[in-house]
């Protein structure tokens, strides 16, 4: 009797699907044409240019040796290629640097998702003692001592350089880091010659037998 029950339970379990969503119910799609931005921080050319300058400016770190681009390196998809990133004084951090491609569409930021917007995220690495280790009071003083920044912040925000302006400008610049022109984006938009036949076979595996699409789907492959 016990053996019979075991066989019945085994056969029953074997018929239960292990994956809740089947690949055919999921899809890949090109990025939207419009980059989202909050009403409180609309994109302008002057604001994104200011954000770009700040992103590459080592004044954002306490000892003026690190910028955002120290860890978010443009030719490494705005990551750094390290298993663990290096923070203040060159000490290894506990995590690696996430890339910033298409970050405009992210609903949560940092590996643990503790920030819900780019504006909220922007100042945290600057302040973190083991990362850029910069006092926001000192940062405001430093930026307001640079005539060019005084003019730019006044033009963009109508005020002197401030932490709120820094966060908004950095967020605006990061929203411009869009990969829409990649071969795969062109393929998804209808250009069937944009990727090779080998890549097409890989895509077929991705969506079907390999099952990658169960986790990596939608316009962000995420």
Protein backbone atom coordinates (compact mmCIF):
# COMPACT_ATOMS: atom_id res chain seq x y z
CA UNK A 1 0.00 0.00 0.00
CA UNK A 2 2.82 2.43 0.90
CA UNK A 3 4.62 1.68 -2.37
CA UNK A 4 1.39 2.37 -4.28
CA UNK A 5 0.99 5.78 -2.59
CA UNK A 6 4.58 6.69 -3.35
CA UNK A 7 4.08 5.83 -7.06
CA UNK A 8 0.85 7.86 -7.23
CA UNK A 9 2.51 10.89 -5.60
CA UNK A 10 5.47 10.63 -7.99
CA UNK A 11 3.26 10.46 -11.07
CA UNK A 12 1.15 13.36 -9.82
CA UNK A 13 4.21 15.52 -9.12
CA UNK A 14 5.61 14.73 -12.56
CA UNK A 15 2.56 16.31 -14.21
CA UNK A 16 2.84 19.62 -12.29
CA UNK A 17 4.63 22.33 -14.34
CA UNK A 18 7.85 23.53 -12.73
CA UNK A 19 7.69 26.98 -14.34
CA UNK A 20 4.70 29.22 -13.74
CA UNK A 21 5.00 31.21 -16.97
CA UNK A 22 5.60 29.52 -20.33
CA UNK A 23 8.03 31.20 -22.75
CA UNK A 24 5.36 31.83 -25.39
CA UNK A 25 3.51 34.07 -22.91
CA UNK A 26 6.55 36.31 -22.60
CA UNK A 27 8.00 38.57 -25.23
CA UNK A 28 10.91 40.80 -26.17
CA UNK A 29 10.26 44.33 -27.35
CA UNK A 30 12.17 47.41 -28.45
CA UNK A 31 12.66 50.28 -26.03
CA UNK A 32 9.93 52.93 -26.04
CA UNK A 33 10.66 55.96 -28.17
CA UNK A 34 10.09 58.38 -25.29
CA UNK A 35 12.47 58.40 -22.32
CA UNK A 36 10.48 58.82 -19.09
CA UNK A 37 11.24 61.61 -16.66
CA UNK A 38 9.32 62.86 -13.62
CA UNK A 39 7.33 66.10 -13.80
CA UNK A 40 9.64 67.54 -11.13
CA UNK A 41 12.75 66.93 -13.25
CA UNK A 42 11.98 67.28 -16.95
CA UNK A 43 14.87 66.74 -19.35
CA UNK A 44 16.51 69.77 -20.96
CA UNK A 45 19.74 70.02 -22.92
CA UNK A 46 21.30 72.39 -20.38
CA UNK A 47 20.36 70.15 -17.45
CA UNK A 48 21.72 66.96 -19.04
CA UNK A 49 24.95 68.78 -19.98
CA UNK A 50 25.35 69.94 -16.38
CA UNK A 51 24.70 66.40 -15.19
CA UNK A 52 27.33 65.06 -17.59
CA UNK A 53 29.91 67.52 -16.26
CA UNK A 54 29.12 66.54 -12.67
CA UNK A 55 29.25 62.84 -13.54
CA UNK A 56 32.88 63.18 -14.65
CA UNK A 57 33.95 65.69 -11.98
CA UNK A 58 36.14 64.35 -9.11
CA UNK A 59 34.95 67.23 -6.92
CA UNK A 60 32.03 64.95 -6.07
CA UNK A 61 34.36 62.85 -3.89
CA UNK A 62 35.77 63.89 -0.53
CA UNK A 63 39.42 63.82 -1.62
CA UNK A 64 38.72 65.02 -5.18
CA UNK A 65 40.10 61.84 -6.76
CA UNK A 66 36.93 59.95 -7.73
CA UNK A 67 34.05 60.83 -9.99
CA UNK A 68 30.92 58.83 -10.80
CA UNK A 69 32.76 57.73 -13.96
CA UNK A 70 35.54 56.15 -11.87
CA UNK A 71 33.23 53.18 -11.33
CA UNK A 72 30.71 53.78 -14.13
CA UNK A 73 33.12 53.69 -17.07
CA UNK A 74 31.57 54.60 -20.45
CA UNK A 75 33.38 51.97 -22.53
CA UNK A 76 32.38 49.26 -20.04
CA UNK A 77 28.63 49.98 -20.40
CA UNK A 78 28.97 52.40 -17.47
CA UNK A 79 30.08 49.60 -15.12
CA UNK A 80 33.74 48.85 -14.28
CA UNK A 81 34.24 45.17 -15.12
CA UNK A 82 35.40 44.29 -11.61
CA UNK A 83 34.05 41.54 -9.38
CA UNK A 84 34.09 44.09 -6.55
CA UNK A 85 34.43 47.81 -7.12
CA UNK A 86 37.03 49.97 -5.41
CA UNK A 87 35.80 52.71 -3.11
CA UNK A 88 37.41 55.42 -1.02
CA UNK A 89 41.18 54.91 -0.57
CA UNK A 90 41.06 52.09 -3.13
CA UNK A 91 39.44 49.63 -0.73
CA UNK A 92 37.28 46.87 -2.28
CA UNK A 93 33.55 47.28 -1.74
CA UNK A 94 31.16 44.44 -0.97
CA UNK A 95 29.45 44.58 -4.38
CA UNK A 96 30.23 45.34 -8.01
CA UNK A 97 29.11 48.36 -10.02
CA UNK A 98 25.84 47.96 -11.95
CA UNK A 99 25.79 49.26 -15.51
CA UNK A 100 23.68 52.31 -16.34
CA UNK A 101 22.43 51.44 -19.83
CA UNK A 102 18.68 52.17 -20.08
CA UNK A 103 18.53 52.98 -16.38
CA UNK A 104 15.79 55.53 -17.14
CA UNK A 105 13.27 52.68 -17.14
CA UNK A 106 14.34 51.06 -13.86
CA UNK A 107 11.77 50.98 -11.06
CA UNK A 108 14.36 50.31 -8.36
CA UNK A 109 18.07 51.03 -8.06
CA UNK A 110 21.09 49.60 -6.24
CA UNK A 111 21.42 45.82 -6.09
CA UNK A 112 19.07 45.74 -3.10
CA UNK A 113 16.50 48.06 -4.70
CA UNK A 114 16.53 50.58 -1.87
CA UNK A 115 16.11 53.63 -4.13
CA UNK A 116 13.02 54.11 -6.27
CA UNK A 117 14.28 56.92 -8.50
CA UNK A 118 17.51 58.18 -10.03
CA UNK A 119 17.12 61.38 -8.04
CA UNK A 120 16.97 59.40 -4.79
CA UNK A 121 19.90 57.22 -5.81
CA UNK A 122 22.26 59.96 -7.01
CA UNK A 123 23.54 61.33 -3.69
CA UNK A 124 23.94 58.07 -1.79
CA UNK A 125 27.28 56.95 -3.33
CA UNK A 126 28.59 60.51 -2.96
CA UNK A 127 27.84 60.52 0.78
CA UNK A 128 28.79 56.91 1.53
CA UNK A 129 31.95 56.80 3.66
CA UNK A 130 33.31 53.72 1.89
CA UNK A 131 32.49 55.03 -1.59
CA UNK A 132 33.01 58.70 -2.55
CA UNK A 133 33.03 59.92 1.06
CA UNK A 134 31.89 63.48 0.35
CA UNK A 135 30.02 65.82 2.70
CA UNK A 136 27.11 67.40 0.84
CA UNK A 137 27.70 70.70 2.66
CA UNK A 138 31.29 70.73 1.41
CA UNK A 139 30.21 69.70 -2.07
CA UNK A 140 27.85 72.66 -2.30
CA UNK A 141 30.64 74.99 -1.16
CA UNK A 142 33.09 73.56 -3.69
CA UNK A 143 30.69 73.85 -6.61
CA UNK A 144 29.67 77.39 -5.67
CA UNK A 145 33.34 78.40 -5.70
CA UNK A 146 33.53 77.55 -9.42
CA UNK A 147 32.19 80.40 -11.56
CA UNK A 148 31.14 78.09 -14.39
CA UNK A 149 29.00 75.97 -12.09
CA UNK A 150 27.43 79.05 -10.51
CA UNK A 151 26.34 80.22 -13.96
CA UNK A 152 25.08 76.77 -15.01
CA UNK A 153 23.09 76.07 -11.85
CA UNK A 154 21.53 79.53 -12.08
CA UNK A 155 20.59 78.89 -15.71
CA UNK A 156 19.16 75.42 -15.09
CA UNK A 157 17.62 75.70 -11.63
CA UNK A 158 17.51 79.45 -10.93
CA UNK A 159 19.58 79.02 -7.77
CA UNK A 160 23.14 78.42 -6.56
CA UNK A 161 24.57 74.91 -6.71
CA UNK A 162 22.71 72.65 -4.29
CA UNK A 163 22.49 68.97 -3.44
CA UNK A 164 19.00 68.84 -4.91
CA UNK A 165 20.28 70.34 -8.15
CA UNK A 166 23.19 67.89 -8.25
CA UNK A 167 20.82 64.93 -7.81
CA UNK A 168 18.45 66.19 -10.51
CA UNK A 169 21.22 66.98 -13.00
CA UNK A 170 22.91 63.59 -12.51
CA UNK A 171 19.56 61.83 -12.89
CA UNK A 172 18.83 63.78 -16.07
CA UNK A 173 22.17 62.82 -17.61
CA UNK A 174 21.72 59.15 -16.73
CA UNK A 175 18.34 59.14 -18.47
CA UNK A 176 20.17 59.87 -21.74
CA UNK A 177 22.18 56.62 -21.55
CA UNK A 178 19.91 54.72 -23.93
CA UNK A 179 20.97 51.80 -26.16
CA UNK A 180 18.21 52.23 -28.74
CA UNK A 181 20.64 52.12 -31.68
CA UNK A 182 22.05 48.67 -30.85
CA UNK A 183 21.75 45.94 -33.53
CA UNK A 184 19.30 43.98 -31.38
CA UNK A 185 17.07 47.03 -30.85
CA UNK A 186 17.03 47.55 -34.62
CA UNK A 187 16.16 43.87 -35.08
CA UNK A 188 13.26 44.13 -32.63
CA UNK A 189 12.07 47.24 -34.48
CA UNK A 190 11.80 45.26 -37.72
CA UNK A 191 15.26 45.26 -39.32
CA UNK A 192 15.76 41.50 -39.73
CA UNK A 193 19.25 41.98 -41.19
CA UNK A 194 20.52 43.81 -38.10
CA UNK A 195 21.84 40.64 -36.44
CA UNK A 196 23.58 37.59 -37.90
CA UNK A 197 21.97 34.21 -38.61
CA UNK A 198 24.01 32.75 -35.75
CA UNK A 199 22.57 35.39 -33.43
CA UNK A 200 19.07 34.58 -34.71
CA UNK A 201 19.62 30.92 -33.82
CA UNK A 202 20.79 32.04 -30.38
CA UNK A 203 17.64 34.12 -30.02
CA UNK A 204 15.53 31.09 -30.90
CA UNK A 205 17.25 29.13 -28.11
CA UNK A 206 16.93 32.11 -25.76
CA UNK A 207 13.17 32.23 -26.25
CA UNK A 208 12.48 28.49 -26.33
CA UNK A 209 14.64 25.49 -25.39
CA UNK A 210 17.18 27.36 -23.23
CA UNK A 211 14.37 29.20 -21.43
CA UNK A 212 16.38 32.39 -20.78
CA UNK A 213 13.30 34.46 -21.55
CA UNK A 214 11.61 33.24 -18.37
CA UNK A 215 13.73 35.77 -16.46
CA UNK A 216 15.05 38.03 -19.23
CA UNK A 217 12.13 39.56 -21.13
CA UNK A 218 10.52 42.86 -22.03
CA UNK A 219 12.39 45.89 -23.39
CA UNK A 220 15.07 45.73 -20.66
CA UNK A 221 15.71 41.97 -20.93
CA UNK A 222 15.28 41.99 -17.16
